[in-house]
Amino acid sequence: MSDRPKTKRYLVMAMRKPDFSEAAVAPHLAFLDGLRLAGKLEMTGGFSDKSGGAYVLNVGTLAEALAIAADDPLATSDSSTLTVYEWNAH
């Protein structure tokens, strides 16, 4: 058995608001790159209809996932609504 703490998956849905700012995209992508380097981001992608996107966090708690989503530039710029779900993926 590993001493590493158990992680869970959290699905973060980022839906664009009507006044979405394209200026938030580059900081958001850099934010995701940082999460990937930290080993917290499993996958990410935008929706083909340009309504938003989603990413999967691999972290220990819902509180941590919520804190990460709250720091996302899409949220801090008020360009998108981010919702976090604990995801029982198989």
PDB file of N, CA and C in Angstrom:
ATOM      1  N   MET A   1       0.835  -1.194   0.000  1.00  0.00           N
ATOM      2  CA  MET A   1       0.000   0.000   0.000  1.00  0.00           C
ATOM      3  C   MET A   1       0.878   1.256   0.000  1.00  0.00           C
ATOM      4  N   SER A   2       0.408   2.252  -0.665  1.00  0.00           N
ATOM      5  CA  SER A   2       1.121   3.515  -0.755  1.00  0.00           C
ATOM      6  C   SER A   2       0.757   4.425   0.416  1.00  0.00           C
ATOM      7  N   ASP A   3       1.707   5.251   0.822  1.00  0.00           N
ATOM      8  CA  ASP A   3       1.444   6.242   1.870  1.00  0.00           C
ATOM      9  C   ASP A   3       0.806   7.501   1.292  1.00  0.00           C
ATOM     10  N   ARG A   4       0.670   7.541  -0.014  1.00  0.00           N
ATOM     11  CA  ARG A   4       0.094   8.707  -0.675  1.00  0.00           C
ATOM     12  C   ARG A   4      -1.392   8.816  -0.324  1.00  0.00           C
ATOM     13  N   PRO A   5      -1.853  10.028   0.004  1.00  0.00           N
ATOM     14  CA  PRO A   5      -3.265  10.187   0.336  1.00  0.00           C
ATOM     15  C   PRO A   5      -4.154   9.841  -0.859  1.00  0.00           C
ATOM     16  N   LYS A   6      -5.336   9.310  -0.568  1.00  0.00           N
ATOM     17  CA  LYS A   6      -6.297   8.982  -1.623  1.00  0.00           C
ATOM     18  C   LYS A   6      -6.770  10.253  -2.298  1.00  0.00           C
ATOM     19  N   THR A   7      -6.980  10.153  -3.588  1.00  0.00           N
ATOM     20  CA  THR A   7      -7.525  11.285  -4.321  1.00  0.00           C
ATOM     21  C   THR A   7      -8.864  10.882  -4.916  1.00  0.00           C
ATOM     22  N   LYS A   8      -9.660  11.873  -5.176  1.00  0.00           N
ATOM     23  CA  LYS A   8     -10.944  11.686  -5.831  1.00  0.00           C
ATOM     24  C   LYS A   8     -10.953  12.545  -7.075  1.00  0.00           C
ATOM     25  N   ARG A   9     -11.902  12.266  -7.935  1.00  0.00           N
ATOM     26  CA  ARG A   9     -12.040  13.072  -9.142  1.00  0.00           C
ATOM     27  C   ARG A   9     -13.197  14.051  -8.975  1.00  0.00           C
ATOM     28  N   TYR A  10     -12.962  15.248  -9.474  1.00  0.00           N
ATOM     29  CA  TYR A  10     -13.975  16.304  -9.424  1.00  0.00           C
ATOM     30  C   TYR A  10     -14.092  16.898 -10.813  1.00  0.00           C
ATOM     31  N   LEU A  11     -15.319  16.952 -11.302  1.00  0.00           N
ATOM     32  CA  LEU A  11     -15.604  17.529 -12.612  1.00  0.00           C
ATOM     33  C   LEU A  11     -15.954  18.997 -12.420  1.00  0.00           C
ATOM     34  N   VAL A  12     -15.219  19.859 -13.089  1.00  0.00           N
ATOM     35  CA  VAL A  12     -15.482  21.297 -13.033  1.00  0.00           C
ATOM     36  C   VAL A  12     -16.072  21.706 -14.374  1.00  0.00           C
ATOM     37  N   MET A  13     -17.305  22.161 -14.329  1.00  0.00           N
ATOM     38  CA  MET A  13     -17.991  22.650 -15.528  1.00  0.00           C
ATOM     39  C   MET A  13     -17.850  24.175 -15.543  1.00  0.00           C
ATOM     40  N   ALA A  14     -17.342  24.697 -16.631  1.00  0.00           N
ATOM     41  CA  ALA A  14     -17.157  26.143 -16.789  1.00  0.00           C
ATOM     42  C   ALA A  14     -18.026  26.604 -17.955  1.00  0.00           C
ATOM     43  N   MET A  15     -19.125  27.241 -17.630  1.00  0.00           N
ATOM     44  CA  MET A  15     -20.072  27.691 -18.656  1.00  0.00           C
ATOM     45  C   MET A  15     -19.947  29.206 -18.842  1.00  0.00           C
ATOM     46  N   ARG A  16     -19.763  29.608 -20.081  1.00  0.00           N
ATOM     47  CA  ARG A  16     -19.580  31.027 -20.400  1.00  0.00           C
ATOM     48  C   ARG A  16     -20.828  31.833 -20.079  1.00  0.00           C
ATOM     49  N   LYS A  17     -20.595  33.012 -19.524  1.00  0.00           N
ATOM     50  CA  LYS A  17     -21.681  33.965 -19.292  1.00  0.00           C
ATOM     51  C   LYS A  17     -21.908  34.763 -20.569  1.00  0.00           C
ATOM     52  N   PRO A  18     -23.074  35.395 -20.704  1.00  0.00           N
ATOM     53  CA  PRO A  18     -23.346  36.176 -21.924  1.00  0.00           C
ATOM     54  C   PRO A  18     -22.283  37.242 -22.213  1.00  0.00           C
ATOM     55  N   ASP A  19     -21.677  37.798 -21.175  1.00  0.00           N
ATOM     56  CA  ASP A  19     -20.655  38.838 -21.375  1.00  0.00           C
ATOM     57  C   ASP A  19     -19.241  38.258 -21.247  1.00  0.00           C
ATOM     58  N   PHE A  20     -19.060  37.007 -21.662  1.00  0.00           N
ATOM     59  CA  PHE A  20     -17.770  36.326 -21.598  1.00  0.00           C
ATOM     60  C   PHE A  20     -16.672  37.172 -22.228  1.00  0.00           C
ATOM     61  N   SER A  21     -15.521  37.231 -21.540  1.00  0.00           N
ATOM     62  CA  SER A  21     -14.386  37.998 -22.040  1.00  0.00           C
ATOM     63  C   SER A  21     -13.306  37.047 -22.562  1.00  0.00           C
ATOM     64  N   GLU A  22     -12.978  37.180 -23.837  1.00  0.00           N
ATOM     65  CA  GLU A  22     -11.903  36.369 -24.438  1.00  0.00           C
ATOM     66  C   GLU A  22     -10.566  36.610 -23.732  1.00  0.00           C
ATOM     67  N   ALA A  23     -10.428  37.761 -23.063  1.00  0.00           N
ATOM     68  CA  ALA A  23      -9.188  38.078 -22.350  1.00  0.00           C
ATOM     69  C   ALA A  23      -8.934  37.103 -21.200  1.00  0.00           C
ATOM     70  N   ALA A  24      -9.948  36.370 -20.764  1.00  0.00           N
ATOM     71  CA  ALA A  24      -9.789  35.414 -19.660  1.00  0.00           C
ATOM     72  C   ALA A  24      -9.209  34.085 -20.124  1.00  0.00           C
ATOM     73  N   VAL A  25      -9.188  33.840 -21.432  1.00  0.00           N
ATOM     74  CA  VAL A  25      -8.779  32.531 -21.937  1.00  0.00           C
ATOM     75  C   VAL A  25      -7.301  32.241 -21.673  1.00  0.00           C
ATOM     76  N   ALA A  26      -6.409  33.138 -22.035  1.00  0.00           N
ATOM     77  CA  ALA A  26      -4.975  32.886 -21.845  1.00  0.00           C
ATOM     78  C   ALA A  26      -4.624  32.663 -20.366  1.00  0.00           C
ATOM     79  N   PRO A  27      -5.102  33.501 -19.431  1.00  0.00           N
ATOM     80  CA  PRO A  27      -4.812  33.237 -18.018  1.00  0.00           C
ATOM     81  C   PRO A  27      -5.420  31.910 -17.547  1.00  0.00           C
ATOM     82  N   HIS A  28      -6.589  31.557 -18.062  1.00  0.00           N
ATOM     83  CA  HIS A  28      -7.218  30.285 -17.705  1.00  0.00           C
ATOM     84  C   HIS A  28      -6.352  29.116 -18.157  1.00  0.00           C
ATOM     85  N   LEU A  29      -5.855  29.170 -19.396  1.00  0.00           N
ATOM     86  CA  LEU A  29      -5.007  28.092 -19.905  1.00  0.00           C
ATOM     87  C   LEU A  29      -3.706  27.984 -19.114  1.00  0.00           C
ATOM     88  N   ALA A  30      -3.127  29.114 -18.728  1.00  0.00           N
ATOM     89  CA  ALA A  30      -1.925  29.093 -17.895  1.00  0.00           C
ATOM     90  C   ALA A  30      -2.227  28.489 -16.520  1.00  0.00           C
ATOM     91  N   PHE A  31      -3.387  28.817 -15.977  1.00  0.00           N
ATOM     92  CA  PHE A  31      -3.844  28.259 -14.696  1.00  0.00           C
ATOM     93  C   PHE A  31      -3.937  26.736 -14.803  1.00  0.00           C
ATOM     94  N   LEU A  32      -4.533  26.252 -15.888  1.00  0.00           N
ATOM     95  CA  LEU A  32      -4.650  24.804 -16.089  1.00  0.00           C
ATOM     96  C   LEU A  32      -3.278  24.156 -16.233  1.00  0.00           C
ATOM     97  N   ASP A  33      -2.359  24.824 -16.930  1.00  0.00           N
ATOM     98  CA  ASP A  33      -0.997  24.287 -17.059  1.00  0.00           C
ATOM     99  C   ASP A  33      -0.345  24.120 -15.693  1.00  0.00           C
ATOM    100  N   GLY A  34      -0.565  25.079 -14.800  1.00  0.00           N
ATOM    101  CA  GLY A  34      -0.019  24.980 -13.444  1.00  0.00           C
ATOM    102  C   GLY A  34      -0.614  23.813 -12.680  1.00  0.00           C
ATOM    103  N   LEU A  35      -1.910  23.605 -12.840  1.00  0.00           N
ATOM    104  CA  LEU A  35      -2.555  22.465 -12.180  1.00  0.00           C
ATOM    105  C   LEU A  35      -2.015  21.146 -12.725  1.00  0.00           C
ATOM    106  N   ARG A  36      -1.792  21.092 -14.039  1.00  0.00           N
ATOM    107  CA  ARG A  36      -1.246  19.887 -14.661  1.00  0.00           C
ATOM    108  C   ARG A  36       0.147  19.594 -14.116  1.00  0.00           C
ATOM    109  N   LEU A  37       0.973  20.618 -14.022  1.00  0.00           N
ATOM    110  CA  LEU A  37       2.334  20.446 -13.494  1.00  0.00           C
ATOM    111  C   LEU A  37       2.326  20.003 -12.033  1.00  0.00           C
ATOM    112  N   ALA A  38       1.320  20.425 -11.288  1.00  0.00           N
ATOM    113  CA  ALA A  38       1.196  20.049  -9.882  1.00  0.00           C
ATOM    114  C   ALA A  38       0.581  18.661  -9.703  1.00  0.00           C
ATOM    115  N   GLY A  39       0.196  18.017 -10.815  1.00  0.00           N
ATOM    116  CA  GLY A  39      -0.396  16.688 -10.746  1.00  0.00           C
ATOM    117  C   GLY A  39      -1.845  16.672 -10.302  1.00  0.00           C
ATOM    118  N   LYS A  40      -2.532  17.813 -10.417  1.00  0.00           N
ATOM    119  CA  LYS A  40      -3.920  17.914  -9.955  1.00  0.00           C
ATOM    120  C   LYS A  40      -4.937  17.889 -11.091  1.00  0.00           C
ATOM    121  N   LEU A  41      -4.481  18.027 -12.321  1.00  0.00           N
ATOM    122  CA  LEU A  41      -5.392  18.094 -13.465  1.00  0.00           C
ATOM    123  C   LEU A  41      -5.261  16.822 -14.288  1.00  0.00           C
ATOM    124  N   GLU A  42      -6.380  16.144 -14.486  1.00  0.00           N
ATOM    125  CA  GLU A  42      -6.374  14.894 -15.241  1.00  0.00           C
ATOM    126  C   GLU A  42      -6.679  15.101 -16.716  1.00  0.00           C
ATOM    127  N   MET A  43      -7.674  15.916 -17.012  1.00  0.00           N
ATOM    128  CA  MET A  43      -8.013  16.206 -18.405  1.00  0.00           C
ATOM    129  C   MET A  43      -8.806  17.498 -18.462  1.00  0.00           C
ATOM    130  N   THR A  44      -8.829  18.084 -19.657  1.00  0.00           N
ATOM    131  CA  THR A  44      -9.533  19.340 -19.851  1.00  0.00           C
ATOM    132  C   THR A  44      -9.945  19.468 -21.309  1.00  0.00           C
ATOM    133  N   GLY A  45     -10.961  20.271 -21.557  1.00  0.00           N
ATOM    134  CA  GLY A  45     -11.348  20.517 -22.937  1.00  0.00           C
ATOM    135  C   GLY A  45     -12.548  21.434 -23.038  1.00  0.00           C
ATOM    136  N   GLY A  46     -12.615  22.118 -24.169  1.00  0.00           N
ATOM    137  CA  GLY A  46     -13.741  22.999 -24.443  1.00  0.00           C
ATOM    138  C   GLY A  46     -14.837  22.269 -25.194  1.00  0.00           C
ATOM    139  N   PHE A  47     -16.040  22.777 -25.099  1.00  0.00           N
ATOM    140  CA  PHE A  47     -17.175  22.204 -25.823  1.00  0.00           C
ATOM    141  C   PHE A  47     -17.174  22.742 -27.254  1.00  0.00           C
ATOM    142  N   SER A  48     -17.535  21.907 -28.197  1.00  0.00           N
ATOM    143  CA  SER A  48     -17.474  22.297 -29.604  1.00  0.00           C
ATOM    144  C   SER A  48     -18.439  23.432 -29.951  1.00  0.00           C
ATOM    145  N   ASP A  49     -19.473  23.618 -29.135  1.00  0.00           N
ATOM    146  CA  ASP A  49     -20.413  24.712 -29.415  1.00  0.00           C
ATOM    147  C   ASP A  49     -19.977  26.042 -28.795  1.00  0.00           C
ATOM    148  N   LYS A  50     -18.790  26.051 -28.179  1.00  0.00           N
ATOM    149  CA  LYS A  50     -18.202  27.268 -27.578  1.00  0.00           C
ATOM    150  C   LYS A  50     -18.988  27.788 -26.370  1.00  0.00           C
ATOM    151  N   SER A  51     -19.836  26.953 -25.767  1.00  0.00           N
ATOM    152  CA  SER A  51     -20.614  27.376 -24.600  1.00  0.00           C
ATOM    153  C   SER A  51     -19.811  27.309 -23.302  1.00  0.00           C
ATOM    154  N   GLY A  52     -18.666  26.664 -23.361  1.00  0.00           N
ATOM    155  CA  GLY A  52     -17.838  26.513 -22.165  1.00  0.00           C
ATOM    156  C   GLY A  52     -16.944  25.316 -22.308  1.00  0.00           C
ATOM    157  N   GLY A  53     -16.614  24.721 -21.164  1.00  0.00           N
ATOM    158  CA  GLY A  53     -15.741  23.558 -21.164  1.00  0.00           C
ATOM    159  C   GLY A  53     -15.773  22.893 -19.809  1.00  0.00           C
ATOM    160  N   ALA A  54     -14.889  21.927 -19.651  1.00  0.00           N
ATOM    161  CA  ALA A  54     -14.833  21.190 -18.392  1.00  0.00           C
ATOM    162  C   ALA A  54     -13.411  20.722 -18.154  1.00  0.00           C
ATOM    163  N   TYR A  55     -13.114  20.471 -16.884  1.00  0.00           N
ATOM    164  CA  TYR A  55     -11.850  19.827 -16.551  1.00  0.00           C
ATOM    165  C   TYR A  55     -12.048  18.919 -15.356  1.00  0.00           C
ATOM    166  N   VAL A  56     -11.166  17.929 -15.263  1.00  0.00           N
ATOM    167  CA  VAL A  56     -11.246  16.946 -14.195  1.00  0.00           C
ATOM    168  C   VAL A  56     -10.046  17.132 -13.272  1.00  0.00           C
ATOM    169  N   LEU A  57     -10.367  17.405 -12.016  1.00  0.00           N
ATOM    170  CA  LEU A  57      -9.337  17.540 -10.991  1.00  0.00           C
ATOM    171  C   LEU A  57      -9.190  16.217 -10.265  1.00  0.00           C
ATOM    172  N   ASN A  58      -7.975  15.893  -9.890  1.00  0.00           N
ATOM    173  CA  ASN A  58      -7.679  14.699  -9.121  1.00  0.00           C
ATOM    174  C   ASN A  58      -7.036  15.184  -7.816  1.00  0.00           C
ATOM    175  N   VAL A  59      -7.890  15.508  -6.836  1.00  0.00           N
ATOM    176  CA  VAL A  59      -7.448  16.067  -5.556  1.00  0.00           C
ATOM    177  C   VAL A  59      -8.136  15.333  -4.414  1.00  0.00           C
ATOM    178  N   GLY A  60      -7.765  15.652  -3.183  1.00  0.00           N
ATOM    179  CA  GLY A  60      -8.220  14.896  -2.033  1.00  0.00           C
ATOM    180  C   GLY A  60      -9.621  15.184  -1.525  1.00  0.00           C
ATOM    181  N   THR A  61     -10.083  16.437  -1.664  1.00  0.00           N
ATOM    182  CA  THR A  61     -11.374  16.787  -1.068  1.00  0.00           C
ATOM    183  C   THR A  61     -12.177  17.717  -1.967  1.00  0.00           C
ATOM    184  N   LEU A  62     -13.470  17.720  -1.716  1.00  0.00           N
ATOM    185  CA  LEU A  62     -14.342  18.652  -2.428  1.00  0.00           C
ATOM    186  C   LEU A  62     -13.953  20.091  -2.104  1.00  0.00           C
ATOM    187  N   ALA A  63     -13.589  20.353  -0.863  1.00  0.00           N
ATOM    188  CA  ALA A  63     -13.187  21.704  -0.471  1.00  0.00           C
ATOM    189  C   ALA A  63     -11.982  22.175  -1.287  1.00  0.00           C
ATOM    190  N   GLU A  64     -11.024  21.286  -1.524  1.00  0.00           N
ATOM    191  CA  GLU A  64      -9.861  21.647  -2.327  1.00  0.00           C
ATOM    192  C   GLU A  64     -10.268  21.920  -3.770  1.00  0.00           C
ATOM    193  N   ALA A  65     -11.147  21.087  -4.317  1.00  0.00           N
ATOM    194  CA  ALA A  65     -11.613  21.293  -5.689  1.00  0.00           C
ATOM    195  C   ALA A  65     -12.363  22.612  -5.818  1.00  0.00           C
ATOM    196  N   LEU A  66     -13.198  22.927  -4.840  1.00  0.00           N
ATOM    197  CA  LEU A  66     -13.939  24.190  -4.857  1.00  0.00           C
ATOM    198  C   LEU A  66     -12.993  25.387  -4.784  1.00  0.00           C
ATOM    199  N   ALA A  67     -11.956  25.282  -3.955  1.00  0.00           N
ATOM    200  CA  ALA A  67     -10.983  26.373  -3.829  1.00  0.00           C
ATOM    201  C   ALA A  67     -10.223  26.579  -5.133  1.00  0.00           C
ATOM    202  N   ILE A  68      -9.866  25.480  -5.790  1.00  0.00           N
ATOM    203  CA  ILE A  68      -9.167  25.586  -7.076  1.00  0.00           C
ATOM    204  C   ILE A  68     -10.061  26.269  -8.100  1.00  0.00           C
ATOM    205  N   ALA A  69     -11.303  25.833  -8.201  1.00  0.00           N
ATOM    206  CA  ALA A  69     -12.232  26.428  -9.171  1.00  0.00           C
ATOM    207  C   ALA A  69     -12.452  27.912  -8.890  1.00  0.00           C
ATOM    208  N   ALA A  70     -12.505  28.280  -7.619  1.00  0.00           N
ATOM    209  CA  ALA A  70     -12.705  29.688  -7.260  1.00  0.00           C
ATOM    210  C   ALA A  70     -11.528  30.554  -7.688  1.00  0.00           C
ATOM    211  N   ASP A  71     -10.329  29.958  -7.804  1.00  0.00           N
ATOM    212  CA  ASP A  71      -9.131  30.690  -8.225  1.00  0.00           C
ATOM    213  C   ASP A  71      -8.940  30.715  -9.743  1.00  0.00           C
ATOM    214  N   ASP A  72      -9.747  29.972 -10.462  1.00  0.00           N
ATOM    215  CA  ASP A  72      -9.636  29.926 -11.918  1.00  0.00           C
ATOM    216  C   ASP A  72      -9.919  31.325 -12.476  1.00  0.00           C
ATOM    217  N   PRO A  73      -9.076  31.814 -13.377  1.00  0.00           N
ATOM    218  CA  PRO A  73      -9.322  33.136 -13.964  1.00  0.00           C
ATOM    219  C   PRO A  73     -10.690  33.287 -14.638  1.00  0.00           C
ATOM    220  N   LEU A  74     -11.290  32.196 -15.083  1.00  0.00           N
ATOM    221  CA  LEU A  74     -12.641  32.295 -15.628  1.00  0.00           C
ATOM    222  C   LEU A  74     -13.626  32.716 -14.547  1.00  0.00           C
ATOM    223  N   ALA A  75     -13.380  32.264 -13.315  1.00  0.00           N
ATOM    224  CA  ALA A  75     -14.247  32.631 -12.192  1.00  0.00           C
ATOM    225  C   ALA A  75     -13.886  34.008 -11.657  1.00  0.00           C
ATOM    226  N   THR A  76     -12.592  34.272 -11.478  1.00  0.00           N
ATOM    227  CA  THR A  76     -12.187  35.546 -10.871  1.00  0.00           C
ATOM    228  C   THR A  76     -12.478  36.731 -11.783  1.00  0.00           C
ATOM    229  N   SER A  77     -12.549  36.487 -13.095  1.00  0.00           N
ATOM    230  CA  SER A  77     -12.895  37.568 -14.036  1.00  0.00           C
ATOM    231  C   SER A  77     -14.402  37.661 -14.253  1.00  0.00           C
ATOM    232  N   ASP A  78     -15.138  36.763 -13.634  1.00  0.00           N
ATOM    233  CA  ASP A  78     -16.601  36.697 -13.761  1.00  0.00           C
ATOM    234  C   ASP A  78     -17.040  36.478 -15.211  1.00  0.00           C
ATOM    235  N   SER A  79     -16.207  35.753 -15.980  1.00  0.00           N
ATOM    236  CA  SER A  79     -16.523  35.460 -17.376  1.00  0.00           C
ATOM    237  C   SER A  79     -17.354  34.191 -17.536  1.00  0.00           C
ATOM    238  N   SER A  80     -17.219  33.283 -16.555  1.00  0.00           N
ATOM    239  CA  SER A  80     -17.909  31.999 -16.629  1.00  0.00           C
ATOM    240  C   SER A  80     -18.429  31.611 -15.258  1.00  0.00           C
ATOM    241  N   THR A  81     -19.422  30.744 -15.255  1.00  0.00           N
ATOM    242  CA  THR A  81     -19.921  30.150 -14.024  1.00  0.00           C
ATOM    243  C   THR A  81     -19.279  28.778 -13.895  1.00  0.00           C
ATOM    244  N   LEU A  82     -18.559  28.556 -12.797  1.00  0.00           N
ATOM    245  CA  LEU A  82     -17.903  27.275 -12.571  1.00  0.00           C
ATOM    246  C   LEU A  82     -18.658  26.502 -11.501  1.00  0.00           C
ATOM    247  N   THR A  83     -18.960  25.247 -11.810  1.00  0.00           N
ATOM    248  CA  THR A  83     -19.658  24.358 -10.894  1.00  0.00           C
ATOM    249  C   THR A  83     -18.816  23.103 -10.733  1.00  0.00           C
ATOM    250  N   VAL A  84     -18.653  22.657  -9.490  1.00  0.00           N
ATOM    251  CA  VAL A  84     -17.810  21.496  -9.190  1.00  0.00           C
ATOM    252  C   VAL A  84     -18.690  20.343  -8.734  1.00  0.00           C
ATOM    253  N   TYR A  85     -18.418  19.176  -9.302  1.00  0.00           N
ATOM    254  CA  TYR A  85     -19.141  17.953  -8.937  1.00  0.00           C
ATOM    255  C   TYR A  85     -18.155  16.881  -8.512  1.00  0.00           C
ATOM    256  N   GLU A  86     -18.429  16.185  -7.412  1.00  0.00           N
ATOM    257  CA  GLU A  86     -17.647  14.985  -7.099  1.00  0.00           C
ATOM    258  C   GLU A  86     -18.084  13.948  -8.115  1.00  0.00           C
ATOM    259  N   TRP A  87     -17.112  13.347  -8.806  1.00  0.00           N
ATOM    260  CA  TRP A  87     -17.421  12.509  -9.949  1.00  0.00           C
ATOM    261  C   TRP A  87     -17.022  11.070  -9.676  1.00  0.00           C
ATOM    262  N   ASN A  88     -17.995  10.200  -9.711  1.00  0.00           N
ATOM    263  CA  ASN A  88     -17.754   8.768  -9.510  1.00  0.00           C
ATOM    264  C   ASN A  88     -17.527   8.124 -10.869  1.00  0.00           C
ATOM    265  N   ALA A  89     -16.397   8.444 -11.472  1.00  0.00           N
ATOM    266  CA  ALA A  89     -16.071   7.921 -12.795  1.00  0.00           C
ATOM    267  C   ALA A  89     -15.584   6.484 -12.691  1.00  0.00           C
ATOM    268  N   HIS A  90     -15.864   5.711 -13.733  1.00  0.00           N
ATOM    269  CA  HIS A  90     -15.423   4.310 -13.777  1.00  0.00           C
ATOM    270  C   HIS A  90     -14.618   4.069 -15.034  1.00  0.00           C
TER     271      HIS A  90
END
